[in-house]
Protein backbone atom coordinates (compact mmCIF):
# COMPACT_ATOMS: atom_id res chain seq x y z
CA MET A 1 20.86 -30.83 -11.76
CA ASN A 2 18.67 -28.61 -12.80
CA LEU A 3 15.20 -27.26 -11.28
CA GLN A 4 13.92 -25.95 -14.33
CA SER A 5 12.41 -28.84 -15.57
CA GLY A 6 9.67 -29.26 -13.11
CA ASP A 7 7.94 -26.99 -10.94
CA PRO A 8 9.36 -23.74 -9.97
CA THR A 9 11.44 -23.61 -6.26
CA VAL A 10 12.92 -20.94 -4.49
CA VAL A 11 15.54 -21.98 -1.98
CA LEU A 12 15.77 -19.88 0.78
CA VAL A 13 19.21 -20.39 2.11
CA MET A 14 19.51 -18.22 5.67
CA GLY A 15 22.53 -17.53 8.08
CA VAL A 16 24.22 -15.03 10.16
CA SER A 17 26.51 -12.71 8.42
CA GLY A 18 29.57 -14.91 7.89
CA SER A 19 27.66 -18.10 7.60
CA GLY A 20 28.40 -18.23 3.99
CA LYS A 21 25.35 -17.57 2.21
CA SER A 22 26.49 -16.45 -0.82
CA THR A 23 29.25 -18.80 -1.14
CA ILE A 24 27.08 -21.67 -0.64
CA GLY A 25 24.03 -20.17 -2.28
CA LYS A 26 25.67 -19.04 -5.10
CA ARG A 27 27.09 -22.88 -5.72
CA LEU A 28 23.65 -24.45 -4.94
CA ALA A 29 22.36 -21.97 -7.70
CA ASP A 30 25.13 -23.48 -9.97
CA ALA A 31 24.06 -27.30 -9.66
CA LEU A 32 20.42 -26.86 -9.49
CA GLY A 33 21.16 -24.74 -12.93
CA CYS A 34 19.11 -21.77 -11.76
CA ALA A 35 19.96 -18.19 -10.63
CA TYR A 36 21.19 -17.04 -7.28
CA PHE A 37 19.86 -13.77 -5.51
CA ASP A 38 21.92 -12.31 -2.85
CA ALA A 39 19.92 -10.13 -0.63
CA ASP A 40 22.44 -7.78 0.25
CA THR A 41 21.54 -5.97 -3.18
CA PHE A 42 18.09 -5.38 -1.89
CA HIS A 43 19.36 -2.97 1.17
CA SER A 44 18.64 0.29 0.44
CA ALA A 45 21.69 3.12 0.71
CA GLU A 46 20.98 4.28 3.74
CA ALA A 47 20.92 0.81 5.34
CA VAL A 48 24.37 -0.32 3.80
CA ALA A 49 25.85 2.83 5.09
CA LYS A 50 24.36 2.48 8.59
CA MET A 51 25.66 -1.07 8.93
CA ARG A 52 29.27 0.35 7.50
CA SER A 53 29.04 2.65 10.37
CA GLY A 54 29.14 -0.41 12.66
CA THR A 55 25.22 0.45 13.55
CA PRO A 56 23.42 -2.76 13.53
CA LEU A 57 19.79 -2.34 11.57
CA ASP A 58 16.57 -2.42 13.10
CA ASP A 59 12.93 -4.01 12.13
CA HIS A 60 11.79 -0.57 10.78
CA ASP A 61 15.70 -0.60 8.55
CA ARG A 62 14.69 -4.76 7.51
CA MET A 63 10.78 -4.44 6.89
CA PRO A 64 11.27 -2.80 3.23
CA TRP A 65 14.21 -5.00 2.52
CA LEU A 66 12.28 -8.10 3.57
CA GLY A 67 9.34 -6.80 1.13
CA ARG A 68 11.57 -6.47 -1.89
CA ILE A 69 13.25 -9.97 -1.27
CA ALA A 70 9.72 -11.05 -0.96
CA GLN A 71 8.07 -9.57 -4.00
CA LYS A 72 11.67 -11.24 -5.86
CA MET A 73 10.48 -14.50 -4.66
CA GLU A 74 7.12 -13.69 -5.83
CA GLU A 75 8.03 -12.53 -8.99
CA LEU A 76 10.28 -16.11 -9.48
CA LEU A 77 7.57 -18.17 -8.99
CA ALA A 78 4.61 -16.20 -11.06
CA ASP A 79 7.15 -16.21 -14.04
CA GLY A 80 7.62 -20.23 -13.45
CA GLU A 81 11.21 -19.61 -12.32
CA SER A 82 13.44 -21.08 -9.80
CA GLY A 83 16.08 -19.20 -8.20
CA VAL A 84 18.25 -19.36 -4.91
CA ILE A 85 17.80 -16.59 -2.34
CA GLY A 86 20.70 -15.84 0.39
CA CYS A 87 19.42 -13.78 2.94
CA SER A 88 19.95 -13.71 6.56
CA ALA A 89 16.14 -14.15 7.76
CA LEU A 90 17.33 -14.03 11.47
CA LYS A 91 13.71 -13.86 13.24
CA ARG A 92 10.79 -16.23 12.42
CA GLY A 93 8.78 -13.18 12.05
CA TYR A 94 11.03 -11.79 9.09
CA ARG A 95 10.81 -15.65 7.70
CA ASP A 96 6.93 -15.56 7.84
CA LEU A 97 6.56 -12.46 5.65
CA LEU A 98 8.68 -13.80 3.09
CA LEU A 99 7.12 -16.85 2.87
CA GLY A 100 3.79 -15.48 3.91
CA GLN A 101 3.94 -13.12 0.72
CA VAL A 102 4.92 -15.70 -1.86
CA GLY A 103 1.21 -17.30 -1.88
CA ASP A 104 -0.53 -19.81 -0.03
CA PRO A 105 0.97 -20.67 3.04
CA ALA A 106 -0.53 -24.38 3.18
CA GLY A 107 1.80 -24.95 -0.17
CA LEU A 108 4.43 -22.56 0.77
CA ARG A 109 7.25 -25.35 1.90
CA ALA A 110 7.16 -26.64 -1.28
CA LEU A 111 7.75 -24.10 -3.42
CA VAL A 112 10.33 -22.10 -0.94
CA PRO A 113 12.49 -24.78 1.32
CA LEU A 114 14.69 -23.29 4.04
CA VAL A 115 17.89 -23.82 4.28
CA TYR A 116 19.85 -23.03 7.34
CA LEU A 117 23.75 -22.73 7.45
CA LYS A 118 24.37 -23.28 10.75
CA GLY A 119 27.40 -22.77 12.63
CA SER A 120 29.19 -21.47 15.69
CA PHE A 121 30.28 -17.94 16.68
CA ASP A 122 34.31 -18.68 17.32
CA LEU A 123 33.65 -20.21 13.36
CA ILE A 124 32.06 -17.30 11.89
CA ARG A 125 34.22 -14.67 13.07
CA SER A 126 37.46 -16.41 12.16
CA ARG A 127 35.58 -16.04 8.62
CA LEU A 128 34.63 -12.98 9.23
CA ALA A 129 37.91 -11.70 10.57
CA VAL A 130 39.43 -12.69 6.58
CA ARG A 131 36.57 -11.62 4.57
CA GLN A 132 37.56 -8.60 2.78
CA GLY A 133 35.04 -5.75 0.49
CA HIS A 134 32.11 -6.52 2.53
CA PHE A 135 30.11 -3.90 4.39
CA MET A 136 29.22 -5.61 7.50
CA PRO A 137 32.18 -5.21 9.61
CA PRO A 138 32.87 -8.20 12.06
CA SER A 139 31.86 -5.73 14.76
CA LEU A 140 28.30 -6.80 14.29
CA LEU A 141 28.40 -10.16 14.65
CA GLN A 142 27.37 -10.36 18.20
CA SER A 143 24.13 -8.45 17.07
CA GLN A 144 22.89 -10.99 13.87
CA PHE A 145 23.73 -13.76 16.68
CA ASP A 146 21.70 -11.75 19.19
CA GLN A 147 18.66 -11.90 16.82
CA LEU A 148 19.21 -14.90 15.36
CA GLU A 149 16.10 -17.15 16.46
CA GLU A 150 16.80 -20.68 14.93
CA PRO A 151 14.30 -22.02 12.87
CA ALA A 152 11.61 -24.31 14.42
CA PRO A 153 10.86 -27.98 13.53
CA ASP A 154 7.35 -26.89 12.32
CA GLU A 155 9.04 -24.24 9.44
CA GLN A 156 10.73 -27.71 8.26
CA PRO A 157 14.35 -26.17 7.51
CA ILE A 158 17.31 -28.56 6.33
CA ALA A 159 20.04 -27.20 8.94
CA VAL A 160 23.27 -28.16 7.74
CA ASP A 161 26.49 -27.77 9.40
CA ILE A 162 28.92 -25.00 7.99
CA ALA A 163 31.66 -26.40 8.99
CA PRO A 164 32.58 -29.10 6.29
CA ALA A 165 33.84 -27.93 2.68
CA PRO A 166 31.72 -26.02 0.65
CA GLU A 167 31.54 -28.80 -1.93
CA ALA A 168 30.24 -31.27 0.99
CA ILE A 169 27.42 -28.51 2.60
CA VAL A 170 26.11 -28.31 -0.95
CA GLU A 171 25.75 -31.93 -1.62
CA ALA A 172 24.00 -32.46 1.70
CA ILE A 173 21.59 -29.99 0.94
CA LEU A 174 21.04 -31.32 -2.48
CA HIS A 175 20.37 -34.84 -0.76
CA ALA A 176 18.00 -33.29 1.65
CA LEU A 177 16.37 -31.61 -1.50
CA ALA A 178 15.85 -34.52 -3.27
CA ASP A 179 14.66 -36.51 -0.01
CA ARG A 180 11.89 -34.05 0.30
CA GLY A 181 10.57 -34.09 -3.28
CA GLY A 182 12.24 -30.78 -3.65
CA LEU A 183 13.91 -31.12 -6.78
CA ALA A 184 12.49 -32.01 -10.32
CA GLN A 185 12.36 -35.73 -11.08
CA GLY A 186 15.78 -36.86 -12.69
CA ALA A 187 17.52 -34.04 -11.09
CA ALA A 188 19.13 -35.35 -7.95
């Protein structure tokens, strides 16, 4: 499966910390034959230190970060490249900022499909309890859920339950993208 033979597409995989954005995003990118970009790598050192200390980020912290992610999306599309970006994108305003900066909003959904990794607090908390090597402490999970504004129908999200195995989640996303025509012909 490969997006590169058709129009460029950037898949935005969103959800709270611990929902599987990196795991699913990397596997999805591999299946699509494109690059994966983790939004965490776009954070400033100050923002990472703040989260590491157990302090949630506020909008002031997030705006420059979202701008850098939107710039990357813009660059990919301008260069005719596809990609998958894993980003929490918890609020509607954040998603609007990301999508509003990558071109014509009327045609943007075809270029940037939104995948929402949806799971219960308890399931995600259990995953965070065993996750190692990440700067986001499990104590901030509640703040993530407090900030979360689930995508509305007009955002045309592909909402995927995160309880199944990663392979099944990626397969569900691939089918949904193919059903929407979000994959190059012959890619599905």
